[in-house]
């Protein structure tokens, strides 16, 4: 069963003699259709197979959510029930800007990275926590998974299996699916300030 992300970008404006009010700006799904598990783990600690230190995991809902976000969550709770949504959290544009995108994950990826030989070079074709061809070659039981030291590699036929520690920028790439989200948040922050723009997200399986 797969995991999907939903959410909204919010911004707030000061009100005379009142607490600043948060407004919904963009539905996340209109900007980022899938997101990718490596990004989920890097940013929010969900499906964190790559073993990143998440930037903003399990914070729950922020204070003063917009009426749009509140209404959407109420609607989804009716559809999915109390246990249908999980890992609700949020992150400000200031935090996204401050992130060290060259930071390495805390441990090697739980999935071995797979490379296939094309002509005279190897190109990455995927990654998996368990592969029957690899398991047979190294003597693993069916379904048995191990963490291998960084840089360990095995050439089996035309496939190279390698243990890799990922960097944040490899999980959330400069030209990838999250760039429309960052561009939107950056534009709003130019008007309202970095701490006054945030992304509120939740997940469902």
Protein backbone atom coordinates (compact mmCIF):
# COMPACT_ATOMS: atom_id res chain seq x y z
CA UNK A 1 0.00 0.00 0.00
CA UNK A 2 1.38 3.41 -0.98
CA UNK A 3 1.57 6.62 1.03
CA UNK A 4 0.26 9.93 -0.35
CA UNK A 5 0.84 13.48 0.83
CA UNK A 6 -1.65 16.36 0.96
CA UNK A 7 -1.58 19.84 2.41
CA UNK A 8 -1.61 23.59 1.85
CA UNK A 9 0.80 26.48 1.70
CA UNK A 10 -0.33 29.17 4.15
CA UNK A 11 0.74 32.76 4.78
CA UNK A 12 -0.20 35.24 7.47
CA UNK A 13 -0.82 38.97 7.51
CA UNK A 14 -0.79 41.21 10.58
CA UNK A 15 -4.15 42.64 11.59
CA UNK A 16 -4.57 45.91 13.50
CA UNK A 17 -4.89 45.14 17.23
CA UNK A 18 -5.33 41.42 16.46
CA UNK A 19 -3.27 38.28 16.14
CA UNK A 20 -2.01 37.72 12.59
CA UNK A 21 -4.41 35.56 10.59
CA UNK A 22 -3.23 32.62 8.49
CA UNK A 23 -4.65 32.24 4.97
CA UNK A 24 -4.45 29.26 2.59
CA UNK A 25 -2.60 30.14 -0.61
CA UNK A 26 -2.17 26.91 -2.60
CA UNK A 27 -3.28 23.31 -2.38
CA UNK A 28 -0.10 21.20 -2.31
CA UNK A 29 -1.52 18.70 -4.80
CA UNK A 30 -1.86 21.43 -7.44
CA UNK A 31 1.90 22.01 -7.23
CA UNK A 32 3.35 18.60 -6.38
CA UNK A 33 1.47 15.51 -7.55
CA UNK A 34 3.51 12.78 -5.85
CA UNK A 35 6.49 14.09 -3.90
CA UNK A 36 8.53 10.88 -3.64
CA UNK A 37 9.35 8.75 -0.61
CA UNK A 38 12.91 10.05 -0.30
CA UNK A 39 11.56 13.59 -0.02
CA UNK A 40 8.91 12.47 2.47
CA UNK A 41 11.65 11.02 4.66
CA UNK A 42 14.08 13.91 4.26
CA UNK A 43 11.48 16.58 5.02
CA UNK A 44 8.93 14.92 7.30
CA UNK A 45 10.27 11.54 8.48
CA UNK A 46 7.63 9.53 6.59
CA UNK A 47 8.77 6.44 4.60
CA UNK A 48 12.27 7.39 5.70
CA UNK A 49 14.09 4.46 4.08
CA UNK A 50 17.09 6.68 3.36
CA UNK A 51 17.53 7.38 7.11
CA UNK A 52 17.61 11.16 7.06
CA UNK A 53 17.30 13.37 10.12
CA UNK A 54 13.91 14.84 9.17
CA UNK A 55 13.60 18.61 8.98
CA UNK A 56 10.07 18.74 10.40
CA UNK A 57 8.62 15.43 11.62
CA UNK A 58 5.49 14.80 13.73
CA UNK A 59 4.80 18.38 14.80
CA UNK A 60 1.05 18.04 14.54
CA UNK A 61 -1.04 20.98 13.37
CA UNK A 62 0.43 24.47 13.81
CA UNK A 63 -1.39 27.16 15.76
CA UNK A 64 -4.01 29.24 13.97
CA UNK A 65 -4.51 27.12 10.86
CA UNK A 66 -6.50 28.77 8.08
CA UNK A 67 -10.22 28.13 7.72
CA UNK A 68 -9.51 26.36 4.41
CA UNK A 69 -7.15 23.85 6.01
CA UNK A 70 -9.48 23.33 8.96
CA UNK A 71 -12.43 22.62 6.64
CA UNK A 72 -10.41 20.24 4.46
CA UNK A 73 -9.20 18.23 7.44
CA UNK A 74 -12.72 18.00 8.84
CA UNK A 75 -13.93 16.73 5.47
CA UNK A 76 -11.15 14.16 5.20
CA UNK A 77 -11.74 12.95 8.76
CA UNK A 78 -15.34 12.16 7.79
CA UNK A 79 -14.18 10.25 4.72
CA UNK A 80 -11.25 8.35 6.21
CA UNK A 81 -12.14 8.19 9.91
CA UNK A 82 -9.93 9.18 12.82
CA UNK A 83 -7.12 6.79 11.83
CA UNK A 84 -7.14 7.59 8.12
CA UNK A 85 -4.68 10.48 8.22
CA UNK A 86 -1.31 10.47 9.94
CA UNK A 87 2.03 12.25 10.44
CA UNK A 88 0.52 15.76 10.29
CA UNK A 89 3.25 18.37 10.45
CA UNK A 90 4.41 21.74 9.08
CA UNK A 91 7.52 23.65 8.04
CA UNK A 92 8.18 27.36 7.45
CA UNK A 93 9.93 28.84 4.47
CA UNK A 94 12.61 30.11 6.88
CA UNK A 95 13.37 26.49 7.83
CA UNK A 96 13.48 25.35 4.21
CA UNK A 97 15.91 28.16 3.38
CA UNK A 98 18.13 27.34 6.37
CA UNK A 99 18.38 23.61 5.56
CA UNK A 100 21.80 22.22 4.63
CA UNK A 101 20.96 20.42 1.40
CA UNK A 102 24.42 18.85 1.31
CA UNK A 103 23.84 17.15 4.68
CA UNK A 104 24.23 13.39 4.57
CA UNK A 105 21.64 11.00 5.95
CA UNK A 106 22.44 9.58 9.38
CA UNK A 107 23.01 6.06 8.02
CA UNK A 108 23.25 4.40 4.60
CA UNK A 109 20.02 3.94 2.68
CA UNK A 110 18.11 0.85 3.82
CA UNK A 111 17.71 -0.02 0.15
CA UNK A 112 20.65 -1.07 -1.97
CA UNK A 113 21.05 1.15 -5.04
CA UNK A 114 21.07 -0.81 -8.28
CA UNK A 115 23.07 0.09 -11.39
CA UNK A 116 22.96 -1.64 -14.79
CA UNK A 117 25.80 -1.83 -17.26
CA UNK A 118 25.14 0.15 -20.45
CA UNK A 119 28.04 0.02 -22.89
CA UNK A 120 31.05 0.99 -20.77
CA UNK A 121 29.26 2.61 -17.84
CA UNK A 122 26.83 1.83 -15.04
CA UNK A 123 23.60 3.81 -14.72
CA UNK A 124 21.31 3.77 -11.71
CA UNK A 125 18.08 1.90 -12.42
CA UNK A 126 16.45 1.71 -9.00
CA UNK A 127 16.79 0.66 -5.39
CA UNK A 128 15.22 -2.00 -3.23
CA UNK A 129 15.40 -3.31 0.33
CA UNK A 130 15.24 -6.90 -0.97
CA UNK A 131 16.17 -8.36 -4.33
CA UNK A 132 15.98 -12.13 -5.04
CA UNK A 133 19.03 -12.17 -7.33
CA UNK A 134 21.15 -10.30 -4.77
CA UNK A 135 19.81 -12.37 -1.85
CA UNK A 136 20.71 -15.63 -3.56
CA UNK A 137 24.21 -14.41 -4.42
CA UNK A 138 25.06 -13.32 -0.86
CA UNK A 139 23.10 -16.00 1.00
CA UNK A 140 20.21 -14.03 2.49
CA UNK A 141 16.99 -15.75 3.51
CA UNK A 142 13.81 -14.73 1.73
CA UNK A 143 12.73 -11.30 2.96
CA UNK A 144 15.88 -10.87 5.09
CA UNK A 145 17.23 -7.31 5.01
CA UNK A 146 20.51 -5.96 6.35
CA UNK A 147 22.21 -2.62 6.67
CA UNK A 148 25.47 -2.70 4.77
CA UNK A 149 28.46 -0.38 5.38
CA UNK A 150 28.66 2.70 3.19
CA UNK A 151 30.33 1.93 -0.13
CA UNK A 152 29.85 -1.84 0.00
CA UNK A 153 29.16 -3.12 -3.50
CA UNK A 154 28.61 -6.34 -5.39
CA UNK A 155 28.70 -6.95 -9.13
CA UNK A 156 26.24 -9.71 -9.98
CA UNK A 157 25.89 -10.30 -13.70
CA UNK A 158 25.30 -6.92 -15.31
CA UNK A 159 23.92 -5.35 -12.12
CA UNK A 160 26.00 -3.48 -9.55
CA UNK A 161 24.49 -3.30 -6.04
CA UNK A 162 25.87 -0.55 -3.81
CA UNK A 163 25.24 0.72 -0.27
CA UNK A 164 24.88 4.51 -0.48
CA UNK A 165 24.39 7.32 2.03
CA UNK A 166 22.24 9.96 0.38
CA UNK A 167 22.44 13.76 0.63
CA UNK A 168 19.36 15.89 1.12
CA UNK A 169 19.67 17.41 -2.35
CA UNK A 170 19.47 13.93 -3.84
CA UNK A 171 16.13 13.37 -2.12
CA UNK A 172 14.74 16.84 -2.91
CA UNK A 173 16.41 17.73 -6.19
CA UNK A 174 16.84 21.25 -7.55
CA UNK A 175 14.75 20.52 -10.65
CA UNK A 176 12.39 17.93 -9.15
CA UNK A 177 8.76 17.77 -8.11
CA UNK A 178 9.19 20.02 -5.07
CA UNK A 179 10.50 23.02 -6.97
CA UNK A 180 7.02 24.51 -7.74
CA UNK A 181 6.31 24.30 -4.00
CA UNK A 182 9.52 26.12 -3.07
CA UNK A 183 9.00 28.73 -5.79
CA UNK A 184 5.51 29.49 -4.52
CA UNK A 185 6.69 29.74 -0.91
CA UNK A 186 9.62 31.94 -1.95
CA UNK A 187 7.32 34.34 -3.78
CA UNK A 188 4.94 34.59 -0.82
CA UNK A 189 7.86 35.09 1.58
CA UNK A 190 9.07 38.04 -0.50
CA UNK A 191 5.74 39.71 0.33
CA UNK A 192 5.09 38.51 3.88
CA UNK A 193 8.43 37.39 5.36
CA UNK A 194 10.12 34.00 5.67
CA UNK A 195 8.55 33.11 9.03
CA UNK A 196 5.08 34.06 7.77
CA UNK A 197 4.89 31.37 5.08
CA UNK A 198 4.53 27.69 5.93
CA UNK A 199 3.61 24.35 4.43
CA UNK A 200 1.11 22.23 6.39
CA UNK A 201 0.99 18.56 5.37
CA UNK A 202 -0.57 15.23 6.29
CA UNK A 203 -0.38 11.71 4.86
CA UNK A 204 -2.69 8.80 4.09
CA UNK A 205 -2.02 5.17 3.12
